[in-house]
Amino acid sequence: MYRMTVIYDHPADPAKFLAHYREVHAPLASEMPGLRSFQWSVSEMPDGSTPPHFLVAALDWDSKEDALAALGTPAGRAGAEDISNFVAPGGVSMSFSEVVTFPL
């Protein structure tokens, strides 16, 4: 499995960010072909302190080739273009990785 992890910094207006993410961005991202899993969560710390990031999303495909192909589709481009509508410049980072499952 191949994963894209997207990490969002704390926005100036968290409620506005979440509304856009839920109502616009997540539905756009979920349209990418071959997407096997799309999970996102608002970060928190067990002690109540401010976490280093606001929101983290993980999107999974069967392979690196599937992920790269999906990102190049109209749905993938629409999601990428939407980021500037709710994230300040430099307020998001992404990483890509092969997922390794450790046997329990």
Protein backbone atom coordinates (compact mmCIF):
# COMPACT_ATOMS: atom_id res chain seq x y z
CA MET A 1 0.00 0.00 0.00
CA TYR A 2 1.19 3.54 -0.74
CA ARG A 3 0.29 6.51 1.47
CA MET A 4 0.15 10.26 1.13
CA THR A 5 0.19 11.96 4.54
CA VAL A 6 -0.93 15.59 4.62
CA ILE A 7 -0.17 17.72 7.68
CA TYR A 8 -1.89 21.06 8.16
CA ASP A 9 -0.63 23.83 10.45
CA HIS A 10 -2.97 25.64 12.82
CA PRO A 11 -5.21 28.02 10.83
CA ALA A 12 -6.15 31.54 11.86
CA ASP A 13 -9.83 30.50 11.95
CA PRO A 14 -10.18 26.81 12.94
CA ALA A 15 -13.97 26.71 12.51
CA LYS A 16 -13.77 28.14 8.99
CA PHE A 17 -10.94 25.73 8.11
CA LEU A 18 -12.90 22.70 9.33
CA ALA A 19 -16.08 23.76 7.56
CA HIS A 20 -14.22 24.06 4.27
CA TYR A 21 -12.32 20.80 4.85
CA ARG A 22 -15.49 18.83 5.64
CA GLU A 23 -17.77 20.38 3.04
CA VAL A 24 -15.41 20.98 0.11
CA HIS A 25 -11.90 19.57 0.37
CA ALA A 26 -12.56 16.09 1.77
CA PRO A 27 -15.29 15.39 -0.81
CA LEU A 28 -12.92 16.53 -3.59
CA ALA A 29 -10.11 14.33 -2.30
CA SER A 30 -12.40 11.33 -1.94
CA GLU A 31 -13.11 11.44 -5.70
CA MET A 32 -9.55 10.45 -6.65
CA PRO A 33 -9.53 7.15 -8.50
CA GLY A 34 -8.19 4.05 -6.81
CA LEU A 35 -8.27 5.58 -3.35
CA ARG A 36 -8.51 2.70 -0.85
CA SER A 37 -8.67 4.67 2.36
CA PHE A 38 -8.99 8.31 3.36
CA GLN A 39 -8.78 9.15 7.04
CA TRP A 40 -8.33 12.50 8.70
CA SER A 41 -8.30 13.77 12.24
CA VAL A 42 -7.98 16.99 14.17
CA SER A 43 -4.87 16.74 16.33
CA GLU A 44 -4.95 16.91 20.11
CA MET A 45 -2.60 16.28 23.01
CA PRO A 46 -3.58 14.07 25.96
CA ASP A 47 -2.55 16.80 28.42
CA GLY A 48 -4.65 19.46 26.67
CA SER A 49 -1.68 21.43 25.36
CA THR A 50 -1.60 22.67 21.77
CA PRO A 51 -0.41 19.98 19.35
CA PRO A 52 2.23 20.79 16.75
CA HIS A 53 -0.27 20.36 13.89
CA PHE A 54 -3.96 21.10 13.43
CA LEU A 55 -5.11 18.29 11.14
CA VAL A 56 -3.50 15.20 9.65
CA ALA A 57 -4.89 13.24 6.70
CA ALA A 58 -3.78 9.85 5.37
CA LEU A 59 -4.77 8.71 1.88
CA ASP A 60 -3.92 5.19 0.70
CA TRP A 61 -3.68 3.52 -2.70
CA ASP A 62 -2.63 0.01 -3.69
CA SER A 63 0.64 1.22 -5.21
CA LYS A 64 2.84 4.23 -5.83
CA GLU A 65 1.84 4.11 -9.49
CA ASP A 66 -1.86 4.24 -8.55
CA ALA A 67 -1.26 7.22 -6.24
CA LEU A 68 0.72 9.19 -8.80
CA ALA A 69 -1.85 8.46 -11.50
CA ALA A 70 -4.70 9.58 -9.19
CA LEU A 71 -2.94 12.83 -8.30
CA GLY A 72 -2.66 13.62 -12.01
CA THR A 73 -6.37 13.23 -12.72
CA PRO A 74 -8.87 16.11 -12.77
CA ALA A 75 -9.99 15.04 -9.26
CA GLY A 76 -6.40 15.05 -7.99
CA ARG A 77 -5.68 18.44 -9.52
CA ALA A 78 -8.94 19.87 -8.12
CA GLY A 79 -7.94 18.81 -4.61
CA ALA A 80 -4.47 20.30 -4.98
CA GLU A 81 -5.85 23.56 -6.35
CA ASP A 82 -8.40 23.81 -3.52
CA ILE A 83 -5.69 23.93 -0.82
CA SER A 84 -5.07 27.63 -1.45
CA ASN A 85 -8.76 28.29 -0.68
CA PHE A 86 -8.42 27.40 3.02
CA VAL A 87 -4.72 27.08 3.90
CA ALA A 88 -2.25 29.94 4.36
CA PRO A 89 0.88 29.79 2.17
CA GLY A 90 3.33 27.31 3.68
CA GLY A 91 0.65 25.93 6.01
CA VAL A 92 0.60 22.38 4.66
CA SER A 93 3.18 19.67 4.13
CA MET A 94 2.95 16.27 2.47
CA SER A 95 4.93 13.09 2.57
CA PHE A 96 4.67 9.91 0.54
CA SER A 97 5.61 6.44 1.73
CA GLU A 98 5.25 2.73 1.24
CA VAL A 99 3.18 1.40 4.16
CA VAL A 100 4.74 -1.44 6.12
CA THR A 101 2.49 -3.51 8.35
CA PHE A 102 4.20 -4.96 11.37
CA PRO A 103 2.82 -8.35 12.42
CA LEU A 104 1.30 -8.39 15.89
